[in-house]
Amino acid sequence: MSTVTVKRSDLKAGEVLCSYCTARCCRYFALPIETPENWEDFDHMRWYVMHGHCSIFVDEDTWFLMVYGDCKYLLPDYRCGNYEDRPKICRSYTTDDCEYDNDGTYDRFFETPEQIWEYAHAVLPPKKKKRKKSQAATATQKLPVVHI
């Protein structure tokens, strides 16, 4: 793996862009998720990022859950250790629009539950306040019983 940064347009005939990359495409995956519309949706997104090693981003009006983690077959020189038996998604992936020279910016990017909640507060109507239960109702309320 070369440490030289090469522009796509400067590749010589027969050269492969991957030879100049640190395998960005093999270090995470992103799945589209539904656009959040209410407090519960944003609360679920907070839960996702509370588990660490993930973030949420929006690109061209599509929301994504990005899960960070190197492919288990990624070799120290950034090549694939499972090249001959790699999944179809890897076989069909091309460098035509890969993120080799992508600046990593998105329309929106959330790394913490606090960022998600702050955004929710900015775009949603105020949450309805829950009425407090009376002391009598609280005193008679019991925890569910779990039978093992």
Protein backbone atom coordinates (compact mmCIF):
# COMPACT_ATOMS: atom_id res chain seq x y z
CA MET A 1 0.00 0.00 0.00
CA SER A 2 1.46 3.29 -1.07
CA THR A 3 1.43 6.28 1.24
CA VAL A 4 1.33 8.63 -1.74
CA THR A 5 -1.91 10.52 -2.22
CA VAL A 6 -2.95 10.22 -5.84
CA LYS A 7 -5.86 11.95 -7.52
CA ARG A 8 -8.25 9.72 -9.43
CA SER A 9 -7.49 11.64 -12.60
CA ASP A 10 -3.77 10.95 -12.19
CA LEU A 11 -4.07 7.14 -12.13
CA LYS A 12 -2.04 5.50 -14.85
CA ALA A 13 -3.56 2.84 -17.09
CA GLY A 14 -3.89 -0.42 -15.15
CA GLU A 15 -3.45 1.19 -11.72
CA VAL A 16 -6.06 0.48 -9.08
CA LEU A 17 -7.26 3.26 -6.78
CA CYS A 18 -7.37 0.81 -3.87
CA SER A 19 -3.56 0.66 -3.96
CA TYR A 20 -3.52 4.20 -2.58
CA CYS A 21 -6.32 3.87 -0.03
CA THR A 22 -6.53 2.81 3.61
CA ALA A 23 -9.65 0.72 2.92
CA ARG A 24 -12.18 3.30 4.05
CA CYS A 25 -14.98 1.17 2.57
CA CYS A 26 -13.94 -1.80 4.73
CA ARG A 27 -14.03 0.07 8.04
CA TYR A 28 -17.76 0.66 8.47
CA PHE A 29 -21.13 0.01 6.92
CA ALA A 30 -24.12 2.33 6.70
CA LEU A 31 -27.74 1.31 6.48
CA PRO A 32 -30.57 3.63 5.49
CA ILE A 33 -33.08 4.23 8.27
CA GLU A 34 -36.49 5.86 8.24
CA THR A 35 -36.56 9.62 8.55
CA PRO A 36 -37.38 10.43 12.17
CA GLU A 37 -40.74 12.14 12.56
CA ASN A 38 -41.48 12.19 16.27
CA TRP A 39 -39.94 12.04 19.74
CA GLU A 40 -40.00 8.24 19.83
CA ASP A 41 -38.06 8.02 16.54
CA PHE A 42 -35.37 10.36 17.87
CA ASP A 43 -35.30 8.45 21.15
CA HIS A 44 -34.57 5.25 19.21
CA MET A 45 -31.73 7.01 17.40
CA ARG A 46 -30.33 8.12 20.75
CA TRP A 47 -30.40 4.49 21.83
CA TYR A 48 -28.44 3.44 18.73
CA VAL A 49 -25.55 5.82 19.39
CA MET A 50 -25.52 5.01 23.12
CA HIS A 51 -24.15 1.64 22.09
CA GLY A 52 -20.98 3.23 20.74
CA HIS A 53 -19.08 2.63 17.53
CA CYS A 54 -21.84 4.14 15.43
CA SER A 55 -23.21 7.46 14.29
CA ILE A 56 -26.13 8.77 12.28
CA PHE A 57 -25.82 10.93 9.22
CA VAL A 58 -28.06 12.46 6.58
CA ASP A 59 -26.95 12.62 2.98
CA GLU A 60 -29.23 13.95 0.24
CA ASP A 61 -32.29 13.70 2.54
CA THR A 62 -31.67 10.03 3.40
CA TRP A 63 -30.91 9.12 7.01
CA PHE A 64 -28.28 6.43 7.71
CA LEU A 65 -27.05 4.47 10.68
CA MET A 66 -23.26 4.12 10.31
CA VAL A 67 -21.67 1.25 12.23
CA TYR A 68 -17.90 1.47 12.63
CA GLY A 69 -15.82 -1.67 12.58
CA ASP A 70 -13.12 -3.09 10.39
CA CYS A 71 -14.01 -6.08 8.28
CA LYS A 72 -12.57 -9.17 9.94
CA TYR A 73 -10.71 -9.99 6.71
CA LEU A 74 -8.99 -6.62 6.33
CA LEU A 75 -5.22 -7.23 6.24
CA PRO A 76 -2.62 -4.87 7.77
CA ASP A 77 -1.68 -3.67 4.26
CA TYR A 78 -5.38 -2.77 3.65
CA ARG A 79 -5.99 -5.60 1.19
CA CYS A 80 -8.76 -8.16 1.49
CA GLY A 81 -7.80 -11.43 3.16
CA ASN A 82 -10.91 -13.08 1.76
CA TYR A 83 -10.77 -11.71 -1.78
CA GLU A 84 -11.64 -14.95 -3.61
CA ASP A 85 -14.62 -15.68 -1.32
CA ARG A 86 -15.78 -12.11 -0.57
CA PRO A 87 -19.52 -11.37 -0.43
CA LYS A 88 -21.43 -10.14 -3.46
CA ILE A 89 -21.70 -6.63 -2.00
CA CYS A 90 -17.89 -6.45 -2.04
CA ARG A 91 -17.64 -7.94 -5.53
CA SER A 92 -20.06 -5.41 -6.99
CA TYR A 93 -18.49 -2.42 -5.23
CA THR A 94 -16.48 -0.15 -7.52
CA THR A 95 -14.17 2.78 -6.97
CA ASP A 96 -16.19 4.91 -9.41
CA ASP A 97 -17.88 6.81 -6.59
CA CYS A 98 -16.06 5.45 -3.56
CA GLU A 99 -15.03 7.72 -0.72
CA TYR A 100 -11.29 7.66 -1.45
CA ASP A 101 -11.21 11.41 -1.96
CA ASN A 102 -14.47 12.19 -0.14
CA ASP A 103 -14.18 14.96 2.43
CA GLY A 104 -16.46 13.10 4.86
CA THR A 105 -19.04 15.85 5.21
CA TYR A 106 -22.75 15.20 5.38
CA ASP A 107 -25.91 17.28 5.49
CA ARG A 108 -26.25 16.32 9.17
CA PHE A 109 -23.99 14.20 11.37
CA PHE A 110 -24.69 12.94 14.91
CA GLU A 111 -22.15 11.17 17.10
CA THR A 112 -23.74 11.51 20.54
CA PRO A 113 -27.20 11.06 22.03
CA GLU A 114 -27.03 14.68 23.19
CA GLN A 115 -26.60 15.92 19.61
CA ILE A 116 -29.62 13.92 18.49
CA TRP A 117 -31.77 15.19 21.35
CA GLU A 118 -30.69 18.78 20.73
CA TYR A 119 -31.66 18.43 17.07
CA ALA A 120 -35.01 16.85 18.01
CA HIS A 121 -35.75 19.78 20.32
CA ALA A 122 -34.99 22.17 17.46
CA VAL A 123 -37.23 20.51 14.84
CA LEU A 124 -40.12 18.94 16.77
CA PRO A 125 -42.97 20.58 18.64
CA PRO A 126 -42.46 20.61 22.42
CA LYS A 127 -43.02 17.31 24.17
CA LYS A 128 -46.29 17.02 26.02
CA LYS A 129 -45.72 16.91 29.74
CA LYS A 130 -46.89 13.74 31.40
CA ARG A 131 -49.30 14.16 34.25
CA LYS A 132 -47.97 12.95 37.54
CA LYS A 133 -49.85 10.03 38.99
CA SER A 134 -51.46 10.53 42.33
CA GLN A 135 -49.72 9.06 45.36
CA ALA A 136 -52.57 6.59 45.79
CA ALA A 137 -52.21 5.32 42.23
CA THR A 138 -48.43 5.11 42.61
CA ALA A 139 -48.68 3.20 45.91
CA THR A 140 -50.88 0.48 44.39
CA GLN A 141 -48.81 0.14 41.23
CA LYS A 142 -46.69 -3.01 41.30
CA LEU A 143 -43.74 -4.19 39.28
CA PRO A 144 -44.39 -7.02 36.84
CA VAL A 145 -43.68 -10.50 38.11
CA VAL A 146 -41.24 -12.60 36.11
CA HIS A 147 -41.67 -16.36 36.36
CA ILE A 148 -38.62 -18.47 35.69
